[in-house]
C-alpha atoms as a PDB file:
ATOM      1  CA  MET A   1      -2.693  -1.823   0.964  1.00  0.00           C
ATOM      2  CA  LEU A   2      -6.377  -1.268  -1.103  1.00  0.00           C
ATOM      3  CA  ASP A   3      -6.992  -4.673   0.793  1.00  0.00           C
ATOM      4  CA  ALA A   4      -6.774  -2.443   4.769  1.00  0.00           C
ATOM      5  CA  LEU A   5      -7.556   0.669   3.396  1.00  0.00           C
ATOM      6  CA  GLY A   6     -10.391   0.022   1.209  1.00  0.00           C
ATOM      7  CA  LYS A   7     -10.765   3.475  -1.300  1.00  0.00           C
ATOM      8  CA  THR A   8      -8.771   5.708  -0.488  1.00  0.00           C
ATOM      9  CA  THR A   9      -6.051   8.208  -3.013  1.00  0.00           C
ATOM     10  CA  PRO A  10      -3.417   7.630  -4.896  1.00  0.00           C
ATOM     11  CA  ALA A  11      -1.243  10.092  -2.459  1.00  0.00           C
ATOM     12  CA  GLU A  12      -2.767   7.884   0.667  1.00  0.00           C
ATOM     13  CA  ILE A  13      -1.030   5.606  -0.274  1.00  0.00           C
ATOM     14  CA  VAL A  14       2.469   7.094  -0.965  1.00  0.00           C
ATOM     15  CA  ARG A  15       1.907   8.637   2.673  1.00  0.00           C
ATOM     16  CA  GLU A  16       1.157   4.816   4.387  1.00  0.00           C
ATOM     17  CA  THR A  17       3.702   3.871   1.980  1.00  0.00           C
ATOM     18  CA  GLY A  18       6.785   5.820   0.973  1.00  0.00           C
ATOM     19  CA  LEU A  19       6.011   3.956  -2.826  1.00  0.00           C
ATOM     20  CA  ASP A  20       7.774   7.038  -6.136  1.00  0.00           C
ATOM     21  CA  LYS A  21       4.358   8.895  -7.267  1.00  0.00           C
ATOM     22  CA  GLY A  22       5.633   8.126 -10.085  1.00  0.00           C
ATOM     23  CA  GLN A  23       5.221   4.915 -10.399  1.00  0.00           C
ATOM     24  CA  LEU A  24       2.537   4.486  -8.116  1.00  0.00           C
ATOM     25  CA  SER A  25       0.944   6.838 -10.848  1.00  0.00           C
ATOM     26  CA  ARG A  26       1.773   3.276 -13.422  1.00  0.00           C
ATOM     27  CA  THR A  27       1.056   0.920 -11.611  1.00  0.00           C
ATOM     28  CA  ILE A  28      -2.404   2.588 -10.538  1.00  0.00           C
ATOM     29  CA  ARG A  29      -3.550   2.627 -14.659  1.00  0.00           C
ATOM     30  CA  ASP A  30      -1.431  -0.469 -15.522  1.00  0.00           C
ATOM     31  CA  MET A  31      -4.075  -2.323 -13.125  1.00  0.00           C
ATOM     32  CA  THR A  32      -7.109   0.179 -14.193  1.00  0.00           C
ATOM     33  CA  GLU A  33      -6.233  -0.536 -18.068  1.00  0.00           C
ATOM     34  CA  ARG A  34      -6.061  -4.774 -16.443  1.00  0.00           C
ATOM     35  CA  GLY A  35      -9.461  -4.202 -14.785  1.00  0.00           C
ATOM     36  CA  LEU A  36      -7.747  -4.675 -11.398  1.00  0.00           C
ATOM     37  CA  LEU A  37      -8.790  -1.111 -10.898  1.00  0.00           C
ATOM     38  CA  GLU A  38     -11.271   1.617 -10.968  1.00  0.00           C
ATOM     39  CA  ALA A  39     -10.643   4.919 -10.589  1.00  0.00           C
ATOM     40  CA  VAL A  40     -13.346   7.594 -10.481  1.00  0.00           C
ATOM     41  CA  PRO A  41     -13.073  10.920  -9.629  1.00  0.00           C
ATOM     42  CA  ASN A  42     -12.332  12.007  -6.096  1.00  0.00           C
ATOM     43  CA  THR A  43     -15.583  13.942  -5.196  1.00  0.00           C
ATOM     44  CA  ASP A  44     -13.536  15.986  -2.307  1.00  0.00           C
ATOM     45  CA  ASP A  45     -10.326  16.486  -5.129  1.00  0.00           C
ATOM     46  CA  MET A  46     -12.193  17.324  -8.140  1.00  0.00           C
ATOM     47  CA  ARG A  47      -8.140  17.523  -9.691  1.00  0.00           C
ATOM     48  CA  GLY A  48      -7.574  13.656  -8.171  1.00  0.00           C
ATOM     49  CA  GLN A  49      -8.884   9.997  -8.004  1.00  0.00           C
ATOM     50  CA  VAL A  50     -10.168   7.554  -5.884  1.00  0.00           C
ATOM     51  CA  ILE A  51      -9.261   3.684  -6.174  1.00  0.00           C
ATOM     52  CA  ASP A  52      -9.901   0.739  -5.342  1.00  0.00           C
ATOM     53  CA  PHE A  53     -10.473  -2.946  -6.107  1.00  0.00           C
ATOM     54  CA  SER A  54     -12.614  -3.816  -9.276  1.00  0.00           C
ATOM     55  CA  GLU A  55     -15.162  -6.536  -8.422  1.00  0.00           C
ATOM     56  CA  ARG A  56     -11.963  -9.150 -10.725  1.00  0.00           C
ATOM     57  CA  GLY A  57      -8.798  -7.446  -8.916  1.00  0.00           C
ATOM     58  CA  ARG A  58     -10.894  -8.199  -5.628  1.00  0.00           C
ATOM     59  CA  ALA A  59     -11.414 -11.494  -5.998  1.00  0.00           C
ATOM     60  CA  LEU A  60      -7.434 -11.762  -7.562  1.00  0.00           C
ATOM     61  CA  PHE A  61      -6.683 -10.621  -4.724  1.00  0.00           C
ATOM     62  CA  GLN A  62      -8.576 -12.709  -2.582  1.00  0.00           C
ATOM     63  CA  LYS A  63      -6.971 -15.503  -4.228  1.00  0.00           C
ATOM     64  CA  VAL A  64      -3.558 -14.544  -3.637  1.00  0.00           C
ATOM     65  CA  ARG A  65      -3.356 -13.202  -0.353  1.00  0.00           C
ATOM     66  CA  PRO A  66      -2.893 -16.178   1.516  1.00  0.00           C
ATOM     67  CA  LEU A  67       0.224 -17.070  -0.484  1.00  0.00           C
ATOM     68  CA  ILE A  68       1.741 -13.583   0.063  1.00  0.00           C
ATOM     69  CA  TYR A  69       0.952 -14.036   4.288  1.00  0.00           C
ATOM     70  CA  ASP A  70       1.875 -17.421   4.187  1.00  0.00           C
ATOM     71  CA  ARG A  71       5.653 -15.881   2.282  1.00  0.00           C
ATOM     72  CA  GLN A  72       5.625 -13.471   5.142  1.00  0.00           C
ATOM     73  CA  ASP A  73       5.264 -15.824   8.133  1.00  0.00           C
ATOM     74  CA  ARG A  74       8.117 -17.747   6.482  1.00  0.00           C
ATOM     75  CA  LEU A  75      10.523 -14.471   5.958  1.00  0.00           C
ATOM     76  CA  LEU A  76       9.198 -14.450   9.777  1.00  0.00           C
ATOM     77  CA  SER A  77       9.879 -17.616  11.060  1.00  0.00           C
ATOM     78  CA  VAL A  78      13.852 -17.211  11.116  1.00  0.00           C
ATOM     79  CA  MET A  79      13.336 -15.187  13.941  1.00  0.00           C
ATOM     80  CA  SER A  80      12.791 -15.258  16.752  1.00  0.00           C
ATOM     81  CA  GLU A  81       9.833 -13.506  18.944  1.00  0.00           C
ATOM     82  CA  GLU A  82      12.132 -10.741  19.887  1.00  0.00           C
ATOM     83  CA  GLU A  83      14.476 -10.480  17.234  1.00  0.00           C
ATOM     84  CA  ARG A  84      10.371  -9.652  15.688  1.00  0.00           C
ATOM     85  CA  LYS A  85       9.940  -7.192  18.329  1.00  0.00           C
ATOM     86  CA  THR A  86      12.761  -5.794  17.441  1.00  0.00           C
ATOM     87  CA  PHE A  87      12.343  -5.569  14.326  1.00  0.00           C
ATOM     88  CA  ILE A  88       8.791  -3.636  13.834  1.00  0.00           C
ATOM     89  CA  ARG A  89      10.509  -1.572  16.441  1.00  0.00           C
ATOM     90  CA  VAL A  90      13.490  -0.109  14.317  1.00  0.00           C
ATOM     91  CA  LEU A  91      10.576  -0.300  11.477  1.00  0.00           C
ATOM     92  CA  ASP A  92       8.548   1.656  13.044  1.00  0.00           C
ATOM     93  CA  LEU A  93      11.066   4.245  14.150  1.00  0.00           C
ATOM     94  CA  LEU A  94      12.278   5.029  10.735  1.00  0.00           C
ATOM     95  CA  GLU A  95       8.900   5.324   9.571  1.00  0.00           C
ATOM     96  CA  ASP A  96       8.808   8.114  11.864  1.00  0.00           C
ATOM     97  CA  GLU A  97      12.143   9.614  10.759  1.00  0.00           C
ATOM     98  CA  MET A  98      11.077   9.003   7.229  1.00  0.00           C
ATOM     99  CA  ASN A  99       7.075  11.312   8.331  1.00  0.00           C
ATOM    100  CA  ARG A 100       9.672  13.857  10.011  1.00  0.00           C
ATOM    101  CA  ILE A 101      11.949  14.704   6.628  1.00  0.00           C
ATOM    102  CA  ASP A 102       8.218  14.647   4.566  1.00  0.00           C
ATOM    103  CA  ALA A 103       7.190  16.590   6.749  1.00  0.00           C
ATOM    104  CA  GLU A 104       9.583  19.895   6.127  1.00  0.00           C
ATOM    105  CA  GLU A 105       9.859  18.964   2.517  1.00  0.00           C
ATOM    106  CA  ASN A 106       6.768  19.893   2.567  1.00  0.00           C
END
């Protein structure tokens, strides 16, 4: 997610992924303690923070990224092109509904 968004806030990651806020907070804290992320105060909202890869975290991500993409390709290889398109459409529908539900709850 950080690779796609660049520096971002935990709130944005939650919006984009639907991850649990508490779990994400613990993960960010753990990765920061391990030197993989850097967290700085958000100048737009001093109550929050902006996170990004540290140099060490970015280097690790660059190292494992090919493995991630290879695994993704392998998983999708069991589907035809038409099945993949259908799969993506269904995921998009579910994401749209999740966003509507979130908007109603907030």
